[in-house]
Protein backbone atom coordinates (compact mmCIF):
# COMPACT_ATOMS: atom_id res chain seq x y z
CA MET A 1 193.82 171.46 158.39
CA ASN A 2 195.73 174.09 160.38
CA LYS A 3 198.92 172.03 160.32
CA PHE A 4 199.05 171.52 156.56
CA LYS A 5 197.45 174.61 155.09
CA PHE A 6 199.68 174.68 152.02
CA GLU A 7 199.06 170.99 151.31
CA HIS A 8 195.30 171.48 151.34
CA PHE A 9 195.55 174.62 149.24
CA VAL A 10 197.46 172.68 146.56
CA LEU A 11 195.01 169.78 146.74
CA THR A 12 192.02 172.12 146.41
CA LEU A 13 193.65 173.81 143.42
CA ILE A 14 194.27 170.42 141.76
CA LEU A 15 190.65 169.37 142.33
CA ILE A 16 189.27 172.66 140.99
CA VAL A 17 191.38 172.54 137.82
CA SER A 18 190.59 168.84 137.36
CA ALA A 19 186.88 169.64 137.63
CA PHE A 20 187.25 172.44 135.09
CA PHE A 21 188.91 170.11 132.57
CA ARG A 22 186.05 167.65 132.97
CA LEU A 23 183.11 170.08 132.99
CA PHE A 24 184.19 172.75 130.48
CA ARG A 25 181.84 172.69 127.44
CA LEU A 26 180.39 169.39 128.59
CA ASN A 27 176.96 170.47 127.31
CA LEU A 28 178.41 170.96 123.82
CA LEU A 29 180.93 168.13 123.49
CA LEU A 30 179.21 165.28 125.32
CA GLY A 31 179.05 162.10 123.29
CA PHE A 32 175.55 160.60 123.40
CA TRP A 33 175.56 157.39 121.40
CA TYR A 34 173.98 153.93 121.44
CA ASP A 35 174.98 152.90 124.99
CA GLN A 36 174.02 156.27 126.44
CA GLY A 37 170.62 156.24 124.72
CA ARG A 38 169.96 152.64 125.79
CA ASP A 39 170.72 153.45 129.43
CA ALA A 40 168.74 156.69 129.37
CA LEU A 41 165.62 154.94 128.00
CA VAL A 42 165.71 152.45 130.89
CA ILE A 43 166.08 155.24 133.46
CA TRP A 44 163.33 157.27 131.76
CA ASP A 45 160.93 154.36 132.19
CA LEU A 46 161.93 154.08 135.86
CA ILE A 47 161.35 157.78 136.56
CA HIS A 48 158.19 158.25 134.51
CA HIS A 49 156.57 154.82 134.58
CA GLY A 50 157.96 153.21 137.73
CA LYS A 51 159.51 150.31 135.81
CA PHE A 52 162.10 148.85 138.18
CA PHE A 53 164.77 146.45 136.93
CA LEU A 54 166.98 143.65 138.21
CA ILE A 55 169.79 143.89 135.64
CA GLY A 56 171.92 146.65 134.21
CA PRO A 57 173.82 147.16 130.95
CA VAL A 58 174.73 144.21 128.78
CA THR A 59 178.39 143.20 128.75
CA GLY A 60 180.46 142.35 125.70
CA ILE A 61 179.67 138.70 126.40
CA GLU A 62 176.43 137.48 124.89
CA GLY A 63 173.72 136.84 127.46
CA ILE A 64 175.58 138.24 130.46
CA PHE A 65 174.31 141.45 132.06
CA LEU A 66 175.74 143.63 134.78
CA GLY A 67 173.77 144.33 137.93
CA PRO A 68 171.45 147.36 138.10
CA PHE A 69 173.62 149.55 140.37
CA TYR A 70 174.79 151.86 137.55
CA TYR A 71 171.23 152.64 136.49
CA TYR A 72 170.14 153.43 140.03
CA LEU A 73 173.29 155.54 140.51
CA LEU A 74 172.40 157.64 137.45
CA THR A 75 168.70 157.97 138.24
CA PRO A 76 168.97 160.92 140.70
CA PHE A 77 171.05 162.88 138.18
CA TYR A 78 168.56 162.30 135.35
CA TRP A 79 165.74 163.22 137.73
CA LEU A 80 167.45 166.44 138.80
CA GLY A 81 168.15 167.36 135.18
CA ARG A 82 164.60 166.47 134.07
CA GLY A 83 166.04 163.95 131.64
CA ASN A 84 169.03 166.00 130.48
CA PRO A 85 172.03 163.71 129.75
CA VAL A 86 174.42 166.57 130.52
CA THR A 87 173.27 166.61 134.15
CA ALA A 88 173.87 162.86 134.40
CA ALA A 89 177.33 163.23 132.84
CA ALA A 90 178.15 166.09 135.22
CA GLY A 91 177.11 163.89 138.14
CA LEU A 92 179.59 161.24 137.04
CA VAL A 93 182.26 163.94 136.68
CA TRP A 94 181.82 164.91 140.34
CA ILE A 95 182.13 161.26 141.31
CA THR A 96 185.43 161.28 139.39
CA ILE A 97 186.57 164.32 141.37
CA GLY A 98 185.75 162.33 144.47
CA ALA A 99 187.96 159.54 143.08
CA ILE A 100 190.87 161.99 142.75
CA PHE A 101 190.45 162.99 146.38
CA LEU A 102 190.30 159.33 147.47
CA LEU A 103 193.41 158.68 145.41
CA TYR A 104 195.22 161.42 147.30
CA PHE A 105 193.86 160.21 150.64
CA LEU A 106 194.86 156.56 150.14
CA THR A 107 198.29 157.48 148.76
CA ARG A 108 198.94 159.83 151.66
CA LYS A 109 198.27 157.00 154.10
CA ILE A 110 200.71 154.68 152.28
CA TYR A 111 203.48 157.00 151.03
CA GLY A 112 202.93 160.46 152.49
CA ARG A 113 201.68 163.90 151.52
CA GLN A 114 203.99 164.65 148.60
CA THR A 115 203.15 161.42 146.81
CA GLY A 116 199.44 162.01 147.49
CA LEU A 117 199.55 165.44 145.87
CA LEU A 118 201.60 164.17 142.93
CA VAL A 119 199.25 161.28 142.13
CA ALA A 120 196.24 163.61 142.35
CA PHE A 121 197.99 165.98 139.92
CA LEU A 122 198.87 163.23 137.42
CA TYR A 123 195.45 161.58 137.56
CA GLY A 124 193.55 164.86 137.49
CA PHE A 125 195.48 166.42 134.59
CA SER A 126 195.74 163.33 132.36
CA TYR A 127 194.10 164.03 128.99
CA ASN A 128 192.90 160.46 128.45
CA LEU A 129 191.53 160.22 131.99
CA VAL A 130 189.69 163.50 131.48
CA LEU A 131 188.04 161.98 128.40
CA PHE A 132 187.22 158.87 130.40
CA SER A 133 185.62 161.03 133.12
CA ARG A 134 183.41 162.74 130.53
CA TRP A 135 182.21 159.38 129.17
CA LEU A 136 178.60 158.74 130.17
CA ALA A 137 179.04 155.00 130.64
CA ASN A 138 179.11 152.39 133.39
CA PRO A 139 182.94 152.06 133.72
CA ASN A 140 183.20 155.77 134.57
CA PRO A 141 182.46 155.58 138.34
CA LEU A 142 184.48 152.37 138.84
CA PRO A 143 187.72 154.10 140.04
CA PHE A 144 185.79 155.91 142.81
CA PHE A 145 184.30 152.72 144.21
CA THR A 146 187.57 150.84 143.67
CA LEU A 147 189.46 153.39 145.74
CA LEU A 148 186.75 153.38 148.39
CA ALA A 149 187.15 149.59 148.59
CA LEU A 150 190.94 149.84 148.78
CA LEU A 151 190.67 152.35 151.61
CA CYS A 152 188.44 149.92 153.53
CA LEU A 153 190.91 147.10 152.89
CA HIS A 154 193.79 149.30 154.05
CA GLU A 155 191.94 150.18 157.26
CA PHE A 156 191.12 146.54 157.94
CA ILE A 157 194.72 145.42 157.46
CA ASN A 158 196.26 148.23 159.50
CA ASN A 159 193.65 148.77 162.21
CA HIS A 160 192.05 145.29 162.30
CA THR A 161 188.54 146.81 162.26
CA SER A 162 186.19 144.07 161.10
CA LEU A 163 183.54 146.48 159.82
CA PHE A 164 185.91 147.64 157.08
CA LEU A 165 186.21 144.10 155.67
CA ILE A 166 182.41 143.87 155.47
CA LEU A 167 182.23 147.27 153.73
CA TYR A 168 185.05 146.21 151.42
CA SER A 169 183.16 143.07 150.38
CA PHE A 170 180.01 145.08 149.66
CA LEU A 171 181.96 147.62 147.59
CA ILE A 172 183.62 144.88 145.53
CA GLY A 173 180.15 143.61 144.69
CA LEU A 174 179.15 147.10 143.50
CA CYS A 175 182.32 147.30 141.41
CA LEU A 176 181.32 144.07 139.67
CA GLN A 177 178.07 145.77 138.68
CA LEU A 178 179.94 148.66 137.07
CA GLU A 179 182.49 146.84 134.91
CA ALA A 180 182.77 143.09 135.36
CA ALA A 181 185.74 142.66 133.02
CA SER A 182 187.81 144.86 135.31
CA ALA A 183 186.33 144.04 138.72
CA ILE A 184 186.35 140.26 138.22
CA PHE A 185 190.09 140.39 138.93
CA PHE A 186 189.42 142.07 142.27
CA LEU A 187 188.34 138.65 143.55
CA PRO A 188 191.63 136.77 143.06
CA ALA A 189 193.56 139.88 144.15
CA THR A 190 191.49 139.96 147.34
CA LEU A 191 192.08 136.25 147.92
CA ILE A 192 195.85 136.67 147.60
CA ILE A 193 195.91 139.68 149.93
CA LEU A 194 193.78 137.95 152.57
CA ILE A 195 195.97 134.85 152.43
CA LEU A 196 198.98 137.06 153.10
CA GLU A 197 197.09 138.65 156.00
CA ARG A 198 195.44 135.44 157.21
CA LYS A 199 196.62 136.01 160.81
CA LYS A 200 194.13 138.89 161.02
CA LEU A 201 191.23 136.66 159.91
CA THR A 202 190.57 135.18 163.34
CA ASN A 203 186.83 135.91 163.52
CA PHE A 204 184.87 133.42 161.43
CA LYS A 205 181.67 135.43 161.83
CA ILE A 206 183.25 138.43 160.11
CA LEU A 207 184.10 136.26 157.11
CA ILE A 208 180.47 135.09 156.96
CA TYR A 209 179.19 138.67 157.22
CA SER A 210 181.64 139.80 154.53
CA PHE A 211 180.46 137.05 152.19
CA LEU A 212 176.84 138.02 152.84
CA ALA A 213 177.65 141.69 152.15
CA PHE A 214 179.11 140.66 148.80
CA TYR A 215 176.20 138.32 148.05
CA ILE A 216 173.63 141.08 148.70
CA THR A 217 174.95 142.93 145.64
CA LEU A 218 174.24 139.83 143.51
CA VAL A 219 170.64 139.39 144.64
CA PRO A 220 169.03 141.33 141.73
CA GLN A 221 170.88 139.20 139.16
CA VAL A 222 170.08 136.01 141.07
CA LEU A 223 166.38 136.91 141.05
CA PHE A 224 166.52 137.80 137.35
CA ASN A 225 168.25 134.51 136.60
CA PHE A 226 165.58 132.60 138.57
CA ARG A 227 162.70 134.41 136.84
CA HIS A 228 164.15 133.75 133.37
CA GLN A 229 164.92 130.03 133.56
CA GLY A 230 168.60 130.41 134.41
CA ILE A 231 169.53 132.59 131.42
CA LEU A 232 172.43 134.37 133.14
CA LEU A 233 173.91 131.22 134.62
CA SER A 234 173.66 129.43 131.26
CA ALA A 235 175.40 132.32 129.48
CA PHE A 236 178.13 132.39 132.13
CA ARG A 237 178.62 128.62 131.86
CA ARG A 238 178.83 128.85 128.07
CA PHE A 239 181.35 131.70 128.36
CA LEU A 240 183.67 129.84 130.76
CA ILE A 241 183.33 126.20 129.69
CA GLU A 242 182.00 125.83 126.15
CA GLU A 243 183.81 128.83 124.67
CA LYS A 244 186.94 128.26 126.82
CA SER A 245 187.33 131.96 127.49
CA PHE A 246 190.39 131.34 129.67
CA SER A 247 193.13 129.01 128.41
CA LEU A 248 196.89 128.48 128.67
CA THR A 249 197.93 128.93 125.02
CA LEU A 250 200.09 132.02 125.48
CA SER A 251 202.40 132.03 122.46
CA GLN A 252 199.99 133.75 120.05
CA ILE A 253 198.71 136.41 122.39
CA ILE A 254 201.62 137.68 124.51
CA LYS A 255 202.72 140.29 121.98
CA LEU A 256 199.17 141.57 121.50
CA ARG A 257 198.55 141.83 125.23
CA LEU A 258 201.84 143.60 125.94
CA SER A 259 200.93 146.19 123.32
CA THR A 260 197.50 146.61 124.92
CA TYR A 261 199.01 147.05 128.40
CA TYR A 262 201.50 149.59 127.09
CA ASP A 263 198.76 151.69 125.49
CA SER A 264 196.25 151.29 128.31
CA PHE A 265 198.55 152.49 131.08
CA PHE A 266 201.17 154.75 129.55
CA SER A 267 198.79 156.61 127.23
CA LYS A 268 197.33 158.03 130.45
CA LEU A 269 200.65 159.76 131.07
CA ILE A 270 201.80 160.61 127.54
CA PRO A 271 198.84 161.16 125.17
CA VAL A 272 200.95 160.99 122.00
CA ASN A 273 202.33 157.64 120.87
CA ASN A 274 205.99 158.43 120.22
CA TRP A 275 209.41 157.93 121.80
CA LEU A 276 208.39 159.97 124.85
CA ARG A 277 205.86 157.32 125.86
CA LEU A 278 208.54 154.67 125.46
CA ALA A 279 210.89 156.75 127.61
CA VAL A 280 208.28 156.88 130.39
CA LEU A 281 207.97 153.09 130.18
CA VAL A 282 211.73 152.82 130.75
CA LEU A 283 211.49 155.34 133.60
CA PHE A 284 208.71 153.30 135.22
CA PHE A 285 210.77 150.11 135.33
CA LEU A 286 213.89 152.05 136.39
CA LEU A 287 212.00 153.47 139.38
CA PHE A 288 210.79 150.00 140.34
CA PHE A 289 214.34 148.66 140.23
CA LEU A 290 215.98 151.54 142.13
CA PHE A 291 213.36 151.97 144.86
CA ARG A 292 211.74 148.55 145.07
CA LYS A 293 212.27 148.29 148.84
CA LYS A 294 210.61 151.64 149.49
CA ILE A 295 207.83 151.14 146.95
CA PHE A 296 207.00 147.67 148.24
CA ASN A 297 206.06 148.61 151.77
CA LYS A 298 202.96 146.87 153.12
CA GLY A 299 200.51 149.12 151.27
CA GLY A 300 202.67 149.08 148.15
CA LYS A 301 202.67 145.28 148.04
CA PHE A 302 198.88 145.20 148.07
CA LEU A 303 198.70 147.82 145.32
CA PHE A 304 201.15 145.79 143.24
CA ILE A 305 198.97 142.69 143.65
CA TRP A 306 195.96 144.78 142.61
CA LEU A 307 197.83 145.88 139.47
CA ILE A 308 199.53 142.64 138.48
CA VAL A 309 196.58 140.23 138.84
CA PRO A 310 194.59 141.61 135.85
CA ILE A 311 197.80 141.96 133.82
CA ILE A 312 198.53 138.26 134.30
CA GLY A 313 194.88 137.27 134.04
CA PHE A 314 194.30 138.86 130.65
CA PHE A 315 197.16 136.84 129.19
CA PHE A 316 194.86 133.84 129.51
CA TYR A 317 191.64 135.57 128.48
CA ARG A 318 190.10 134.46 125.17
CA GLY A 319 186.48 135.50 125.65
CA ASN A 320 184.58 138.07 123.58
CA TYR A 321 186.64 137.10 120.50
CA GLY A 322 189.82 137.96 122.39
CA TYR A 323 189.09 141.69 122.60
CA VAL A 324 190.57 143.51 125.58
CA TRP A 325 189.50 147.14 125.70
CA ASP A 326 191.24 150.01 127.45
CA TYR A 327 188.50 150.51 130.04
CA TYR A 328 188.98 146.92 131.26
CA PHE A 329 191.88 148.36 133.29
CA SER A 330 189.99 151.26 134.84
CA GLY A 331 190.02 149.47 138.21
CA ALA A 332 193.77 148.81 138.08
CA GLN A 333 194.90 152.22 136.84
CA PRO A 334 194.70 153.94 140.26
CA ALA A 335 197.21 151.42 141.63
CA PHE A 336 199.48 152.06 138.64
CA PHE A 337 199.37 155.81 139.23
CA ILE A 338 200.10 155.46 142.94
CA LEU A 339 203.09 153.16 142.44
CA PHE A 340 204.51 155.32 139.66
CA SER A 341 204.06 158.52 141.70
CA ALA A 342 205.79 156.94 144.69
CA GLY A 343 208.77 156.06 142.51
CA LEU A 344 208.93 159.63 141.18
CA VAL A 345 208.96 161.11 144.67
CA PHE A 346 211.67 158.74 145.87
CA PHE A 347 213.75 159.60 142.78
CA TRP A 348 213.24 163.33 143.37
CA ARG A 349 214.55 162.99 146.91
CA LYS A 350 217.60 160.95 145.92
CA ASN A 351 219.87 163.47 144.21
CA LEU A 352 220.13 166.30 141.67
CA ILE A 353 219.89 163.91 138.69
CA GLY A 354 216.63 162.57 140.09
CA LYS A 355 215.24 166.07 140.44
CA ILE A 356 216.20 166.92 136.84
CA ILE A 357 214.62 163.74 135.39
CA VAL A 358 211.45 163.96 137.46
CA GLY A 359 211.13 167.69 136.82
CA SER A 360 211.58 167.16 133.07
CA PHE A 361 208.94 164.43 133.07
CA LEU A 362 206.43 166.65 134.88
CA ILE A 363 207.00 169.51 132.44
CA VAL A 364 206.57 167.21 129.43
CA PHE A 365 203.50 165.58 131.01
CA LEU A 366 201.86 168.94 131.69
CA CYS A 367 202.62 170.44 128.25
CA LEU A 368 201.44 167.43 126.24
CA ASN A 369 198.27 166.88 128.23
CA ILE A 370 197.30 170.57 128.34
CA ARG A 371 197.82 170.82 124.59
CA SER A 372 195.64 167.76 123.96
CA LEU A 373 192.97 169.07 126.32
CA LYS A 374 192.96 172.44 124.57
CA ASN A 375 192.42 170.79 121.19
CA TYR A 376 189.67 168.57 122.57
CA HIS A 377 187.81 171.44 124.23
CA GLN A 378 187.79 173.26 120.89
CA THR A 379 186.52 170.48 118.63
CA GLY A 380 185.42 167.47 120.67
CA ILE A 381 185.49 163.90 119.38
CA GLY A 382 182.94 162.30 117.09
CA ILE A 383 179.25 163.14 116.92
CA THR A 384 178.36 165.43 119.82
CA LEU A 385 175.11 166.05 121.67
CA ARG A 386 175.16 169.62 120.37
CA ALA A 387 175.10 168.42 116.75
CA GLN A 388 172.33 165.93 117.50
CA LYS A 389 170.16 168.62 119.09
CA LYS A 390 170.80 170.97 116.17
CA ALA A 391 169.57 168.31 113.75
CA ILE A 392 166.48 167.64 115.87
CA ASP A 393 165.77 171.39 116.12
CA TRP A 394 165.89 171.69 112.33
CA ILE A 395 163.39 168.86 111.91
CA TYR A 396 160.87 170.34 114.33
CA GLN A 397 161.28 173.88 113.03
CA ASP A 398 160.96 172.77 109.42
CA ALA A 399 157.90 170.65 110.19
CA GLY A 400 156.23 173.47 112.10
CA SER A 401 152.81 172.38 113.33
CA GLN A 402 152.64 169.43 110.94
CA ASP A 403 153.12 165.88 112.17
CA PHE A 404 156.01 163.90 110.74
CA ASN A 405 157.88 160.58 110.71
CA VAL A 406 161.60 160.06 111.18
CA ASP A 407 163.82 157.28 109.91
CA ILE A 408 167.34 157.14 111.31
CA TYR A 409 170.63 155.48 110.38
CA VAL A 410 173.45 155.38 112.91
CA PRO A 411 176.19 152.76 113.19
CA PRO A 412 175.71 150.05 114.40
CA GLN A 413 172.16 150.62 113.05
CA ILE A 414 170.48 150.85 116.46
CA PHE A 415 169.38 154.43 117.14
CA CYS A 416 168.67 154.34 120.89
CA SER A 417 170.34 157.74 121.24
CA TYR A 418 167.81 159.47 118.97
CA SER A 419 164.90 157.49 120.40
CA TYR A 420 165.75 159.03 123.75
CA LEU A 421 166.52 162.51 122.42
CA PHE A 422 163.21 162.75 120.61
CA ARG A 423 161.45 161.49 123.75
CA TRP A 424 163.20 163.91 126.11
CA TYR A 425 164.29 166.92 124.04
CA GLY A 426 161.44 166.74 121.55
CA GLN A 427 158.79 166.60 124.26
CA GLU A 428 160.48 169.17 126.49
CA LYS A 429 161.06 171.83 123.82
CA TYR A 430 158.36 171.09 121.24
CA GLY A 431 155.78 169.15 123.22
CA ARG A 432 155.62 166.04 121.01
CA GLU A 433 157.48 163.12 119.50
CA PRO A 434 157.53 161.98 115.87
CA GLU A 435 154.46 160.02 114.79
CA THR A 436 154.61 156.27 114.39
CA LYS A 437 151.80 156.02 111.81
CA LEU A 438 153.01 156.61 108.25
CA LEU A 439 152.66 160.24 107.09
CA GLU A 440 153.58 162.26 104.03
CA ASN A 441 156.21 164.27 105.91
CA LEU A 442 159.25 162.05 106.35
CA TYR A 443 162.64 163.14 107.70
CA THR A 444 165.65 160.86 107.29
CA LEU A 445 168.66 161.39 109.55
CA GLU A 446 172.01 159.77 108.95
CA GLU A 447 175.41 159.62 110.63
CA PRO A 448 178.53 158.51 108.70
CA ASP A 449 179.50 154.84 108.86
CA THR A 450 183.23 154.63 108.12
CA GLU A 451 183.50 150.93 109.00
CA HIS A 452 180.59 149.72 106.86
CA PRO A 453 179.77 152.42 104.27
CA GLN A 454 177.93 149.83 102.17
CA PHE A 455 175.26 149.54 104.87
CA LEU A 456 174.63 153.29 104.79
CA SER A 457 174.57 153.25 100.99
CA ALA A 458 171.99 150.47 100.95
CA TRP A 459 169.89 152.30 103.53
CA LEU A 460 169.90 155.50 101.44
CA LYS A 461 168.90 153.58 98.30
CA ARG A 462 165.98 152.11 100.22
CA GLN A 463 164.95 155.58 101.41
CA ASP A 464 164.91 156.81 97.80
CA THR A 465 162.19 154.25 97.06
CA ILE A 466 160.15 155.47 100.04
CA GLY A 467 160.27 159.24 99.58
CA LYS A 468 161.71 161.90 97.29
CA ILE A 469 164.10 164.49 98.72
CA ILE A 470 162.69 168.01 99.18
CA LYS A 471 165.52 169.69 101.10
CA GLU A 472 168.66 168.81 103.03
CA TYR A 473 170.46 170.05 106.15
CA SER A 474 173.87 169.14 107.64
CA TRP A 475 175.51 169.90 110.96
CA GLY A 476 178.59 168.26 112.51
CA ASP A 477 178.62 165.17 110.24
CA ILE A 478 174.87 164.65 110.69
CA THR A 479 172.73 164.92 107.56
CA VAL A 480 168.95 165.39 107.62
CA GLN A 481 166.78 165.15 104.53
CA LYS A 482 163.16 166.18 104.30
CA ARG A 483 161.29 163.79 102.04
CA GLU A 484 157.82 163.54 100.61
CA ARG A 485 156.66 160.00 101.21
CA VAL A 486 155.55 158.06 98.12
CA LYS A 487 155.44 154.60 99.71
CA TYR A 488 153.21 153.78 102.65
CA GLU A 489 153.99 150.10 103.10
């Protein structure tokens, strides 16, 4: 610390500003939707009713669930916040700040201090990564545990300490419980890296212990599968074999995947989709060509394997109707940022032209991302928790001491978010939840459905046959109608 005071001052400043971007107005702009409500209801039952669980959130693949690690990770934050989703989201934000520090720490070991500070700056100030950090969902903490695993792997390879391989195996298992679509590619990447470093794998016992450490993370799902007649294994078999989720027919999908890769990685640097993003793509490949020998040192080679395995793997992926979402790459993006930052530093050191190009990129990066962050902090995106609480407040205040029913429409027609908000916020502030028995006082709450407006229209027509409208209230795209019930069936 005494030797590099300026370095640690800059790092601390980066972490503080990164935390500000992620925490500012979080209580007002947090998105609390179906997934968040579903997860919160499970954790509520754990805290208040002691209902433990062996599985976590459902994946995009029918019948396949993640492990329970994410729910147990969130539980202390929900407990500390007495059920407040903002406290849970803030907890995940601080885990993200930890990921930025780990990113600096790993990069410093591989490429040096300057590259470590640069990658922390780029990752911490990226508009799209700030949004990702504020997302109360299971992929959010994946970069932290990915980087922790990579640090263990780096220590094992460089210092030959067997304990780090065991810790690495355990952490990979936890990553699979956070986002399987991303972490599943950690397994072949690990296999390739260990084959390259096979001379260090001289202790057979350590391999056994590492496998057991990985297997321990699967025990809850194994038990769940056993208790439910093999439901997870059957779904996994159907996904891989019957649905042929991985195949070799590349011709129809290469263009789509390349577009997805381009958006998933380079949108984290340039938030606007224009010629500037394309210019950064060219710069990325130029840096790889000019400084390939320096970039591909021992640590750089492993990072490249970590990055390229999912890129190649998703070319063959056909599962989940062929959808590949941006967050599927959340485990590979740290490697992308490290390699790109290393190239920038080497270019900066080369000559005056390199300094001009790198300096221009950093100015453009900072201006575009700060502008996007400013706009986001002013307006947010989509339905926010603030608007939801305003609508709930209006219902309770309008109802006064009278009991009431609620009927809710939210796309995709599953209102877990409001089920939780009435349970937590309604009980905490007003001491009660809506009644389940049919009453005269009925409040209908609706959110817009831009993809399927006909569903919302049909729902409203049905509500008109149940109760007549007395008054109406709107806030932030949420509409609440007080109705007098005329139908009790």
